[in-house]
Amino acid sequence: MRWTVFFILLAGACTPDSSPARAGTQRERDSVLGASKLPGAQGVLGALRAADSADARNARLDSVDR
């Protein structure tokens, strides 16, 4: 019984990590997705452009406020 528990714990300790580290930010992943030829990729690029436009507009409005 003890050996069985020992081997189960040993086997669990030797398995590779099941959660790989995520590389990059969400924007970088969306950018890669938008550059692909997958269906809907152009929509992702359009959403990124809209977000950039909104950020630029907000930056201009913030600079006027100062």
C-alpha atoms as a PDB file:
ATOM      1  CA  MET A   1       0.000   0.000   0.000  1.00  0.00           C
ATOM      2  CA  ARG A   2       2.772   2.452   0.893  1.00  0.00           C
ATOM      3  CA  TRP A   3       4.707   1.630  -2.249  1.00  0.00           C
ATOM      4  CA  THR A   4       1.655   2.230  -4.372  1.00  0.00           C
ATOM      5  CA  VAL A   5       1.179   5.699  -2.898  1.00  0.00           C
ATOM      6  CA  PHE A   6       4.894   6.383  -3.305  1.00  0.00           C
ATOM      7  CA  PHE A   7       4.854   5.428  -6.998  1.00  0.00           C
ATOM      8  CA  ILE A   8       1.724   7.479  -7.660  1.00  0.00           C
ATOM      9  CA  LEU A   9       3.320  10.550  -6.072  1.00  0.00           C
ATOM     10  CA  LEU A  10       6.562   9.905  -7.920  1.00  0.00           C
ATOM     11  CA  ALA A  11       4.759   9.606 -11.245  1.00  0.00           C
ATOM     12  CA  GLY A  12       2.864  12.829 -10.565  1.00  0.00           C
ATOM     13  CA  ALA A  13       6.075  14.673  -9.786  1.00  0.00           C
ATOM     14  CA  CYS A  14       7.696  13.542 -13.036  1.00  0.00           C
ATOM     15  CA  THR A  15       4.990  14.687 -15.419  1.00  0.00           C
ATOM     16  CA  PRO A  16       5.658  17.865 -17.395  1.00  0.00           C
ATOM     17  CA  ASP A  17       3.855  21.061 -16.524  1.00  0.00           C
ATOM     18  CA  SER A  18       0.451  20.988 -18.223  1.00  0.00           C
ATOM     19  CA  SER A  19       0.042  24.781 -18.324  1.00  0.00           C
ATOM     20  CA  PRO A  20       2.489  26.297 -20.819  1.00  0.00           C
ATOM     21  CA  ALA A  21       3.606  29.851 -20.262  1.00  0.00           C
ATOM     22  CA  ARG A  22       1.703  32.315 -22.424  1.00  0.00           C
ATOM     23  CA  ALA A  23       4.007  34.283 -24.632  1.00  0.00           C
ATOM     24  CA  GLY A  24       3.145  37.844 -25.457  1.00  0.00           C
ATOM     25  CA  THR A  25       0.310  40.144 -24.600  1.00  0.00           C
ATOM     26  CA  GLN A  26      -3.272  39.828 -25.758  1.00  0.00           C
ATOM     27  CA  ARG A  27      -2.613  42.516 -28.356  1.00  0.00           C
ATOM     28  CA  GLU A  28       0.362  40.585 -29.748  1.00  0.00           C
ATOM     29  CA  ARG A  29      -1.705  37.403 -29.994  1.00  0.00           C
ATOM     30  CA  ASP A  30      -4.537  39.303 -31.689  1.00  0.00           C
ATOM     31  CA  SER A  31      -2.061  40.862 -34.088  1.00  0.00           C
ATOM     32  CA  VAL A  32      -0.715  37.444 -35.065  1.00  0.00           C
ATOM     33  CA  LEU A  33      -4.247  36.146 -35.472  1.00  0.00           C
ATOM     34  CA  GLY A  34      -5.157  39.116 -37.644  1.00  0.00           C
ATOM     35  CA  ALA A  35      -2.169  38.496 -39.894  1.00  0.00           C
ATOM     36  CA  SER A  36      -3.227  34.896 -40.472  1.00  0.00           C
ATOM     37  CA  LYS A  37      -5.493  33.678 -43.241  1.00  0.00           C
ATOM     38  CA  LEU A  38      -8.076  32.284 -40.859  1.00  0.00           C
ATOM     39  CA  PRO A  39     -11.717  33.226 -41.360  1.00  0.00           C
ATOM     40  CA  GLY A  40     -12.487  36.385 -39.406  1.00  0.00           C
ATOM     41  CA  ALA A  41      -8.873  37.543 -39.283  1.00  0.00           C
ATOM     42  CA  GLN A  42      -9.752  40.778 -41.074  1.00  0.00           C
ATOM     43  CA  GLY A  43     -12.339  41.481 -38.382  1.00  0.00           C
ATOM     44  CA  VAL A  44      -9.654  41.175 -35.737  1.00  0.00           C
ATOM     45  CA  LEU A  45      -7.482  43.659 -37.605  1.00  0.00           C
ATOM     46  CA  GLY A  46     -10.435  46.025 -37.910  1.00  0.00           C
ATOM     47  CA  ALA A  47     -11.046  45.820 -34.176  1.00  0.00           C
ATOM     48  CA  LEU A  48      -7.374  46.564 -33.486  1.00  0.00           C
ATOM     49  CA  ARG A  49      -7.504  49.594 -35.792  1.00  0.00           C
ATOM     50  CA  ALA A  50     -10.666  50.831 -34.064  1.00  0.00           C
ATOM     51  CA  ALA A  51      -9.035  50.427 -30.656  1.00  0.00           C
ATOM     52  CA  ASP A  52      -5.943  52.316 -31.851  1.00  0.00           C
ATOM     53  CA  SER A  53      -8.129  55.102 -33.203  1.00  0.00           C
ATOM     54  CA  ALA A  54     -10.049  55.377 -29.951  1.00  0.00           C
ATOM     55  CA  ASP A  55      -6.809  55.436 -27.941  1.00  0.00           C
ATOM     56  CA  ALA A  56      -5.384  58.200 -30.158  1.00  0.00           C
ATOM     57  CA  ARG A  57      -8.572  60.234 -29.831  1.00  0.00           C
ATOM     58  CA  ASN A  58      -8.576  59.847 -26.058  1.00  0.00           C
ATOM     59  CA  ALA A  59      -4.928  60.916 -25.927  1.00  0.00           C
ATOM     60  CA  ARG A  60      -5.767  64.049 -27.936  1.00  0.00           C
ATOM     61  CA  LEU A  61      -8.691  64.842 -25.629  1.00  0.00           C
ATOM     62  CA  ASP A  62      -6.515  64.345 -22.562  1.00  0.00           C
ATOM     63  CA  SER A  63      -3.870  66.709 -23.928  1.00  0.00           C
ATOM     64  CA  VAL A  64      -6.500  69.423 -24.534  1.00  0.00           C
ATOM     65  CA  ASP A  65      -7.710  69.068 -20.944  1.00  0.00           C
ATOM     66  CA  ARG A  66      -4.252  69.802 -19.510  1.00  0.00           C
END
